[in-house]
PDB file of N, CA and C in Angstrom:
ATOM      1  N   UNK A   1      40.913 130.282  61.908  1.00  0.00           N
ATOM      2  CA  UNK A   1      41.146 130.503  61.043  1.00  0.00           C
ATOM      3  C   UNK A   1      41.807 132.289  62.117  1.00  0.00           C
ATOM      4  N   UNK A   2      43.401 132.484  62.212  1.00  0.00           N
ATOM      5  CA  UNK A   2      43.784 133.442  63.167  1.00  0.00           C
ATOM      6  C   UNK A   2      44.353 134.975  61.919  1.00  0.00           C
ATOM      7  N   UNK A   3      44.076 135.947  62.315  1.00  0.00           N
ATOM      8  CA  UNK A   3      44.353 136.365  61.943  1.00  0.00           C
ATOM      9  C   UNK A   3      45.865 137.232  61.951  1.00  0.00           C
ATOM     10  N   UNK A   4      46.568 137.967  60.972  1.00  0.00           N
ATOM     11  CA  UNK A   4      47.601 137.693  61.517  1.00  0.00           C
ATOM     12  C   UNK A   4      48.032 139.263  61.429  1.00  0.00           C
ATOM     13  N   UNK A   5      48.727 140.040  62.553  1.00  0.00           N
ATOM     14  CA  UNK A   5      48.840 141.517  62.432  1.00  0.00           C
ATOM     15  C   UNK A   5      50.459 142.192  62.606  1.00  0.00           C
ATOM     16  N   UNK A   6      50.670 141.757  62.427  1.00  0.00           N
ATOM     17  CA  UNK A   6      52.460 141.061  61.812  1.00  0.00           C
ATOM     18  C   UNK A   6      53.016 140.266  61.433  1.00  0.00           C
ATOM     19  N   UNK A   7      53.934 141.143  60.199  1.00  0.00           N
ATOM     20  CA  UNK A   7      55.251 140.025  59.149  1.00  0.00           C
ATOM     21  C   UNK A   7      56.329 140.592  59.644  1.00  0.00           C
ATOM     22  N   UNK A   8      57.533 140.071  60.099  1.00  0.00           N
ATOM     23  CA  UNK A   8      58.244 140.469  60.413  1.00  0.00           C
ATOM     24  C   UNK A   8      59.649 139.260  60.200  1.00  0.00           C
ATOM     25  N   UNK A   9      61.061 139.344  59.404  1.00  0.00           N
ATOM     26  CA  UNK A   9      62.168 138.414  59.835  1.00  0.00           C
ATOM     27  C   UNK A   9      62.974 138.724  61.058  1.00  0.00           C
ATOM     28  N   UNK A  10      63.353 137.347  61.044  1.00  0.00           N
ATOM     29  CA  UNK A  10      63.951 137.100  62.712  1.00  0.00           C
ATOM     30  C   UNK A  10      65.677 137.181  62.531  1.00  0.00           C
ATOM     31  N   UNK A  11      66.828 137.495  62.346  1.00  0.00           N
ATOM     32  CA  UNK A  11      67.593 137.792  62.165  1.00  0.00           C
ATOM     33  C   UNK A  11      68.476 136.295  62.367  1.00  0.00           C
ATOM     34  N   UNK A  12      69.356 135.310  60.804  1.00  0.00           N
ATOM     35  CA  UNK A  12      69.717 134.056  61.736  1.00  0.00           C
ATOM     36  C   UNK A  12      68.366 133.257  61.803  1.00  0.00           C
ATOM     37  N   UNK A  13      66.968 132.942  62.019  1.00  0.00           N
ATOM     38  CA  UNK A  13      65.874 132.327  62.736  1.00  0.00           C
ATOM     39  C   UNK A  13      64.884 131.816  61.535  1.00  0.00           C
ATOM     40  N   UNK A  14      64.218 133.280  60.668  1.00  0.00           N
ATOM     41  CA  UNK A  14      63.417 133.548  59.797  1.00  0.00           C
ATOM     42  C   UNK A  14      62.584 133.954  59.737  1.00  0.00           C
ATOM     43  N   UNK A  15      61.360 133.755  59.564  1.00  0.00           N
ATOM     44  CA  UNK A  15      60.041 134.291  58.790  1.00  0.00           C
ATOM     45  C   UNK A  15      59.182 134.592  60.299  1.00  0.00           C
ATOM     46  N   UNK A  16      58.689 135.170  61.063  1.00  0.00           N
ATOM     47  CA  UNK A  16      57.873 134.484  61.919  1.00  0.00           C
ATOM     48  C   UNK A  16      56.618 135.367  61.564  1.00  0.00           C
ATOM     49  N   UNK A  17      55.434 135.327  62.541  1.00  0.00           N
ATOM     50  CA  UNK A  17      54.398 136.223  61.838  1.00  0.00           C
ATOM     51  C   UNK A  17      53.060 136.329  64.015  1.00  0.00           C
ATOM     52  N   UNK A  18      52.507 137.626  64.124  1.00  0.00           N
ATOM     53  CA  UNK A  18      52.649 137.285  65.818  1.00  0.00           C
ATOM     54  C   UNK A  18      50.405 137.610  64.429  1.00  0.00           C
ATOM     55  N   UNK A  19      49.979 137.464  65.699  1.00  0.00           N
ATOM     56  CA  UNK A  19      48.026 137.208  65.617  1.00  0.00           C
ATOM     57  C   UNK A  19      47.401 138.113  66.239  1.00  0.00           C
ATOM     58  N   UNK A  20      46.882 138.075  66.081  1.00  0.00           N
ATOM     59  CA  UNK A  20      45.797 138.488  67.834  1.00  0.00           C
ATOM     60  C   UNK A  20      45.867 137.418  68.216  1.00  0.00           C
ATOM     61  N   UNK A  21      45.109 137.762  69.454  1.00  0.00           N
ATOM     62  CA  UNK A  21      45.239 136.892  70.721  1.00  0.00           C
ATOM     63  C   UNK A  21      45.968 135.574  70.822  1.00  0.00           C
ATOM     64  N   UNK A  22      45.384 134.795  71.136  1.00  0.00           N
ATOM     65  CA  UNK A  22      45.948 133.467  71.971  1.00  0.00           C
ATOM     66  C   UNK A  22      45.422 132.499  71.889  1.00  0.00           C
ATOM     67  N   UNK A  23      46.405 131.519  71.336  1.00  0.00           N
ATOM     68  CA  UNK A  23      46.039 130.303  70.807  1.00  0.00           C
ATOM     69  C   UNK A  23      46.168 128.874  71.952  1.00  0.00           C
ATOM     70  N   UNK A  24      46.619 128.677  72.759  1.00  0.00           N
ATOM     71  CA  UNK A  24      46.605 128.071  73.765  1.00  0.00           C
ATOM     72  C   UNK A  24      47.462 126.709  73.906  1.00  0.00           C
ATOM     73  N   UNK A  25      48.295 127.441  72.078  1.00  0.00           N
ATOM     74  CA  UNK A  25      49.000 125.589  72.137  1.00  0.00           C
ATOM     75  C   UNK A  25      50.674 126.233  72.775  1.00  0.00           C
ATOM     76  N   UNK A  26      51.562 125.140  72.817  1.00  0.00           N
ATOM     77  CA  UNK A  26      52.502 124.633  73.646  1.00  0.00           C
ATOM     78  C   UNK A  26      53.805 125.472  72.587  1.00  0.00           C
ATOM     79  N   UNK A  27      54.289 125.951  73.367  1.00  0.00           N
ATOM     80  CA  UNK A  27      55.321 127.233  73.086  1.00  0.00           C
ATOM     81  C   UNK A  27      56.508 125.865  72.805  1.00  0.00           C
ATOM     82  N   UNK A  28      57.618 125.830  71.869  1.00  0.00           N
ATOM     83  CA  UNK A  28      58.499 125.456  71.525  1.00  0.00           C
ATOM     84  C   UNK A  28      58.017 123.871  71.540  1.00  0.00           C
ATOM     85  N   UNK A  29      57.145 123.911  70.626  1.00  0.00           N
ATOM     86  CA  UNK A  29      57.047 122.596  70.323  1.00  0.00           C
ATOM     87  C   UNK A  29      56.696 122.574  68.705  1.00  0.00           C
ATOM     88  N   UNK A  30      56.844 121.516  67.871  1.00  0.00           N
ATOM     89  CA  UNK A  30      56.866 121.565  66.304  1.00  0.00           C
ATOM     90  C   UNK A  30      55.743 121.423  65.807  1.00  0.00           C
ATOM     91  N   UNK A  31      54.827 122.370  65.337  1.00  0.00           N
ATOM     92  CA  UNK A  31      53.577 122.481  64.749  1.00  0.00           C
ATOM     93  C   UNK A  31      53.027 122.736  63.650  1.00  0.00           C
ATOM     94  N   UNK A  32      51.925 122.745  62.650  1.00  0.00           N
ATOM     95  CA  UNK A  32      51.954 122.552  61.751  1.00  0.00           C
ATOM     96  C   UNK A  32      51.001 123.996  61.353  1.00  0.00           C
ATOM     97  N   UNK A  33      51.318 124.690  60.288  1.00  0.00           N
ATOM     98  CA  UNK A  33      51.079 126.525  60.169  1.00  0.00           C
ATOM     99  C   UNK A  33      50.514 126.456  58.590  1.00  0.00           C
ATOM    100  N   UNK A  34      48.984 126.446  58.193  1.00  0.00           N
ATOM    101  CA  UNK A  34      49.129 126.468  56.810  1.00  0.00           C
ATOM    102  C   UNK A  34      48.816 128.654  56.681  1.00  0.00           C
ATOM    103  N   UNK A  35      49.190 128.330  55.285  1.00  0.00           N
ATOM    104  CA  UNK A  35      49.259 130.280  55.515  1.00  0.00           C
ATOM    105  C   UNK A  35      48.111 130.274  54.114  1.00  0.00           C
ATOM    106  N   UNK A  36      47.043 131.108  54.819  1.00  0.00           N
ATOM    107  CA  UNK A  36      45.477 131.321  53.936  1.00  0.00           C
ATOM    108  C   UNK A  36      45.929 132.456  53.311  1.00  0.00           C
ATOM    109  N   UNK A  37      46.853 132.558  52.074  1.00  0.00           N
ATOM    110  CA  UNK A  37      47.025 134.210  51.211  1.00  0.00           C
ATOM    111  C   UNK A  37      45.384 134.552  50.313  1.00  0.00           C
ATOM    112  N   UNK A  38      45.550 135.702  50.317  1.00  0.00           N
ATOM    113  CA  UNK A  38      44.459 136.920  49.610  1.00  0.00           C
ATOM    114  C   UNK A  38      44.198 135.642  48.406  1.00  0.00           C
ATOM    115  N   UNK A  39      44.749 135.591  47.447  1.00  0.00           N
ATOM    116  CA  UNK A  39      44.544 134.875  46.720  1.00  0.00           C
ATOM    117  C   UNK A  39      43.617 133.441  46.018  1.00  0.00           C
ATOM    118  N   UNK A  40      43.445 132.863  47.753  1.00  0.00           N
ATOM    119  CA  UNK A  40      43.238 131.991  47.157  1.00  0.00           C
ATOM    120  C   UNK A  40      43.938 130.169  48.431  1.00  0.00           C
ATOM    121  N   UNK A  41      44.977 130.462  47.402  1.00  0.00           N
ATOM    122  CA  UNK A  41      46.759 129.934  47.757  1.00  0.00           C
ATOM    123  C   UNK A  41      46.745 129.406  48.794  1.00  0.00           C
ATOM    124  N   UNK A  42      47.010 128.482  49.481  1.00  0.00           N
ATOM    125  CA  UNK A  42      46.985 127.946  51.203  1.00  0.00           C
ATOM    126  C   UNK A  42      49.083 126.992  51.264  1.00  0.00           C
ATOM    127  N   UNK A  43      49.745 127.311  51.819  1.00  0.00           N
ATOM    128  CA  UNK A  43      51.375 126.887  52.256  1.00  0.00           C
ATOM    129  C   UNK A  43      51.482 126.218  53.591  1.00  0.00           C
ATOM    130  N   UNK A  44      51.692 126.120  53.808  1.00  0.00           N
ATOM    131  CA  UNK A  44      52.101 124.487  54.754  1.00  0.00           C
ATOM    132  C   UNK A  44      53.671 124.128  54.385  1.00  0.00           C
ATOM    133  N   UNK A  45      54.074 125.200  56.128  1.00  0.00           N
ATOM    134  CA  UNK A  45      54.613 125.116  57.522  1.00  0.00           C
ATOM    135  C   UNK A  45      55.577 124.747  58.240  1.00  0.00           C
ATOM    136  N   UNK A  46      56.345 124.441  59.351  1.00  0.00           N
ATOM    137  CA  UNK A  46      56.274 123.838  60.282  1.00  0.00           C
ATOM    138  C   UNK A  46      56.127 125.766  61.421  1.00  0.00           C
ATOM    139  N   UNK A  47      55.812 124.845  61.993  1.00  0.00           N
ATOM    140  CA  UNK A  47      56.404 126.107  62.734  1.00  0.00           C
ATOM    141  C   UNK A  47      56.648 125.865  64.157  1.00  0.00           C
ATOM    142  N   UNK A  48      56.802 127.291  64.935  1.00  0.00           N
ATOM    143  CA  UNK A  48      56.710 126.890  65.697  1.00  0.00           C
ATOM    144  C   UNK A  48      56.580 127.545  67.563  1.00  0.00           C
ATOM    145  N   UNK A  49      55.783 127.526  68.165  1.00  0.00           N
ATOM    146  CA  UNK A  49      55.640 129.342  68.825  1.00  0.00           C
ATOM    147  C   UNK A  49      56.070 129.832  69.578  1.00  0.00           C
ATOM    148  N   UNK A  50      56.522 131.323  69.608  1.00  0.00           N
ATOM    149  CA  UNK A  50      56.771 132.348  70.550  1.00  0.00           C
ATOM    150  C   UNK A  50      56.090 133.498  70.870  1.00  0.00           C
ATOM    151  N   UNK A  51      57.375 134.202  71.830  1.00  0.00           N
ATOM    152  CA  UNK A  51      56.675 135.185  72.437  1.00  0.00           C
ATOM    153  C   UNK A  51      57.921 136.563  71.826  1.00  0.00           C
ATOM    154  N   UNK A  52      57.328 137.515  71.792  1.00  0.00           N
ATOM    155  CA  UNK A  52      57.487 138.423  71.355  1.00  0.00           C
ATOM    156  C   UNK A  52      57.075 139.871  71.539  1.00  0.00           C
ATOM    157  N   UNK A  53      58.243 140.761  72.106  1.00  0.00           N
ATOM    158  CA  UNK A  53      58.499 141.295  73.718  1.00  0.00           C
ATOM    159  C   UNK A  53      58.151 142.342  72.047  1.00  0.00           C
ATOM    160  N   UNK A  54      56.874 143.335  72.872  1.00  0.00           N
ATOM    161  CA  UNK A  54      56.696 144.659  72.292  1.00  0.00           C
ATOM    162  C   UNK A  54      56.976 145.749  72.682  1.00  0.00           C
ATOM    163  N   UNK A  55      57.476 146.968  71.904  1.00  0.00           N
ATOM    164  CA  UNK A  55      57.102 148.436  73.262  1.00  0.00           C
ATOM    165  C   UNK A  55      56.592 149.139  73.025  1.00  0.00           C
ATOM    166  N   UNK A  56      55.789 150.009  73.161  1.00  0.00           N
ATOM    167  CA  UNK A  56      55.653 151.462  73.027  1.00  0.00           C
ATOM    168  C   UNK A  56      55.362 152.150  73.904  1.00  0.00           C
ATOM    169  N   UNK A  57      56.243 152.944  73.552  1.00  0.00           N
ATOM    170  CA  UNK A  57      56.456 154.150  74.404  1.00  0.00           C
ATOM    171  C   UNK A  57      57.152 153.583  75.907  1.00  0.00           C
ATOM    172  N   UNK A  58      55.847 153.698  76.791  1.00  0.00           N
ATOM    173  CA  UNK A  58      55.392 153.525  78.156  1.00  0.00           C
ATOM    174  C   UNK A  58      55.544 151.752  78.536  1.00  0.00           C
ATOM    175  N   UNK A  59      54.810 151.612  77.470  1.00  0.00           N
ATOM    176  CA  UNK A  59      53.709 150.052  77.068  1.00  0.00           C
ATOM    177  C   UNK A  59      54.781 149.111  77.163  1.00  0.00           C
ATOM    178  N   UNK A  60      55.003 148.060  78.031  1.00  0.00           N
ATOM    179  CA  UNK A  60      55.185 146.682  77.377  1.00  0.00           C
ATOM    180  C   UNK A  60      54.480 145.458  76.731  1.00  0.00           C
ATOM    181  N   UNK A  61      54.516 144.928  76.279  1.00  0.00           N
ATOM    182  CA  UNK A  61      53.566 143.687  76.045  1.00  0.00           C
ATOM    183  C   UNK A  61      53.398 142.359  75.097  1.00  0.00           C
ATOM    184  N   UNK A  62      53.493 141.568  76.014  1.00  0.00           N
ATOM    185  CA  UNK A  62      54.472 139.895  74.628  1.00  0.00           C
ATOM    186  C   UNK A  62      52.603 139.617  73.503  1.00  0.00           C
ATOM    187  N   UNK A  63      53.751 139.991  71.928  1.00  0.00           N
ATOM    188  CA  UNK A  63      52.249 139.423  70.727  1.00  0.00           C
ATOM    189  C   UNK A  63      52.954 137.590  71.149  1.00  0.00           C
ATOM    190  N   UNK A  64      51.510 136.899  71.373  1.00  0.00           N
ATOM    191  CA  UNK A  64      52.062 135.697  70.556  1.00  0.00           C
ATOM    192  C   UNK A  64      52.132 135.628  69.348  1.00  0.00           C
ATOM    193  N   UNK A  65      53.229 135.000  68.719  1.00  0.00           N
ATOM    194  CA  UNK A  65      53.853 134.705  67.184  1.00  0.00           C
ATOM    195  C   UNK A  65      54.309 133.415  67.024  1.00  0.00           C
ATOM    196  N   UNK A  66      54.445 133.238  65.993  1.00  0.00           N
ATOM    197  CA  UNK A  66      54.576 131.868  65.565  1.00  0.00           C
ATOM    198  C   UNK A  66      55.688 131.106  64.681  1.00  0.00           C
ATOM    199  N   UNK A  67      57.147 130.990  64.910  1.00  0.00           N
ATOM    200  CA  UNK A  67      58.215 131.043  63.189  1.00  0.00           C
ATOM    201  C   UNK A  67      57.766 129.767  62.386  1.00  0.00           C
ATOM    202  N   UNK A  68      57.702 131.148  61.191  1.00  0.00           N
ATOM    203  CA  UNK A  68      57.316 129.178  59.922  1.00  0.00           C
ATOM    204  C   UNK A  68      58.554 129.306  59.035  1.00  0.00           C
ATOM    205  N   UNK A  69      59.745 127.909  59.725  1.00  0.00           N
ATOM    206  CA  UNK A  69      59.857 127.085  58.751  1.00  0.00           C
ATOM    207  C   UNK A  69      60.313 127.617  57.289  1.00  0.00           C
ATOM    208  N   UNK A  70      61.835 127.934  57.221  1.00  0.00           N
ATOM    209  CA  UNK A  70      61.769 127.952  55.333  1.00  0.00           C
ATOM    210  C   UNK A  70      60.873 128.305  55.114  1.00  0.00           C
ATOM    211  N   UNK A  71      60.103 129.665  55.112  1.00  0.00           N
ATOM    212  CA  UNK A  71      59.823 130.101  54.246  1.00  0.00           C
ATOM    213  C   UNK A  71      60.311 131.657  54.784  1.00  0.00           C
ATOM    214  N   UNK A  72      59.903 132.118  53.540  1.00  0.00           N
ATOM    215  CA  UNK A  72      60.583 133.913  53.287  1.00  0.00           C
ATOM    216  C   UNK A  72      59.383 134.704  53.535  1.00  0.00           C
ATOM    217  N   UNK A  73      59.589 135.869  54.295  1.00  0.00           N
ATOM    218  CA  UNK A  73      58.907 136.376  54.394  1.00  0.00           C
ATOM    219  C   UNK A  73      57.283 136.903  52.811  1.00  0.00           C
ATOM    220  N   UNK A  74      58.270 137.138  51.840  1.00  0.00           N
ATOM    221  CA  UNK A  74      57.888 137.308  50.766  1.00  0.00           C
ATOM    222  C   UNK A  74      56.496 136.428  50.659  1.00  0.00           C
ATOM    223  N   UNK A  75      56.914 135.409  51.171  1.00  0.00           N
ATOM    224  CA  UNK A  75      55.060 134.159  51.071  1.00  0.00           C
ATOM    225  C   UNK A  75      54.575 134.637  51.799  1.00  0.00           C
ATOM    226  N   UNK A  76      54.377 135.882  52.915  1.00  0.00           N
ATOM    227  CA  UNK A  76      53.079 135.663  53.349  1.00  0.00           C
ATOM    228  C   UNK A  76      52.503 137.084  53.039  1.00  0.00           C
ATOM    229  N   UNK A  77      51.858 137.306  52.259  1.00  0.00           N
ATOM    230  CA  UNK A  77      51.635 138.659  51.833  1.00  0.00           C
ATOM    231  C   UNK A  77      50.346 139.371  52.483  1.00  0.00           C
ATOM    232  N   UNK A  78      50.136 140.133  52.683  1.00  0.00           N
ATOM    233  CA  UNK A  78      49.905 141.101  53.873  1.00  0.00           C
ATOM    234  C   UNK A  78      48.533 140.794  53.418  1.00  0.00           C
ATOM    235  N   UNK A  79      47.655 140.448  54.476  1.00  0.00           N
ATOM    236  CA  UNK A  79      45.581 140.333  54.322  1.00  0.00           C
ATOM    237  C   UNK A  79      45.749 138.760  53.819  1.00  0.00           C
ATOM    238  N   UNK A  80      47.383 137.935  54.998  1.00  0.00           N
ATOM    239  CA  UNK A  80      46.576 136.769  54.743  1.00  0.00           C
ATOM    240  C   UNK A  80      46.420 136.126  56.018  1.00  0.00           C
ATOM    241  N   UNK A  81      45.028 135.020  56.846  1.00  0.00           N
ATOM    242  CA  UNK A  81      44.895 134.302  57.628  1.00  0.00           C
ATOM    243  C   UNK A  81      46.471 133.255  57.854  1.00  0.00           C
ATOM    244  N   UNK A  82      46.247 132.332  59.103  1.00  0.00           N
ATOM    245  CA  UNK A  82      46.685 131.570  59.994  1.00  0.00           C
ATOM    246  C   UNK A  82      46.346 130.718  60.631  1.00  0.00           C
ATOM    247  N   UNK A  83      47.313 129.123  60.528  1.00  0.00           N
ATOM    248  CA  UNK A  83      45.919 128.242  60.547  1.00  0.00           C
ATOM    249  C   UNK A  83      46.593 127.139  60.941  1.00  0.00           C
ATOM    250  N   UNK A  84      47.286 126.859  62.645  1.00  0.00           N
ATOM    251  CA  UNK A  84      48.662 126.158  63.423  1.00  0.00           C
ATOM    252  C   UNK A  84      47.422 125.067  64.612  1.00  0.00           C
ATOM    253  N   UNK A  85      48.444 124.064  63.586  1.00  0.00           N
ATOM    254  CA  UNK A  85      47.451 122.941  64.292  1.00  0.00           C
ATOM    255  C   UNK A  85      49.335 122.304  64.910  1.00  0.00           C
ATOM    256  N   UNK A  86      49.371 120.875  66.001  1.00  0.00           N
ATOM    257  CA  UNK A  86      49.665 120.497  66.710  1.00  0.00           C
ATOM    258  C   UNK A  86      49.942 119.147  65.517  1.00  0.00           C
TER     259      UNK A  86
END
């Protein structure tokens, strides 16, 4: 299970979630994501892996993230976890 560290909207593209660590999954391939919500429900969605460029003062890094197709930011409550497969 992947820990979601940030949930955000990319204008014109949809909802993205960044995770802790790296998965080794392919980039720009359609994947299946399952969002496990704190209430026990599970949302399944198509997804693709991306990298988000992050900046904090002088430091710059990339976070692995997943773009969740047809999912609203409100569908991924704080405390959710993620499972992604090919």
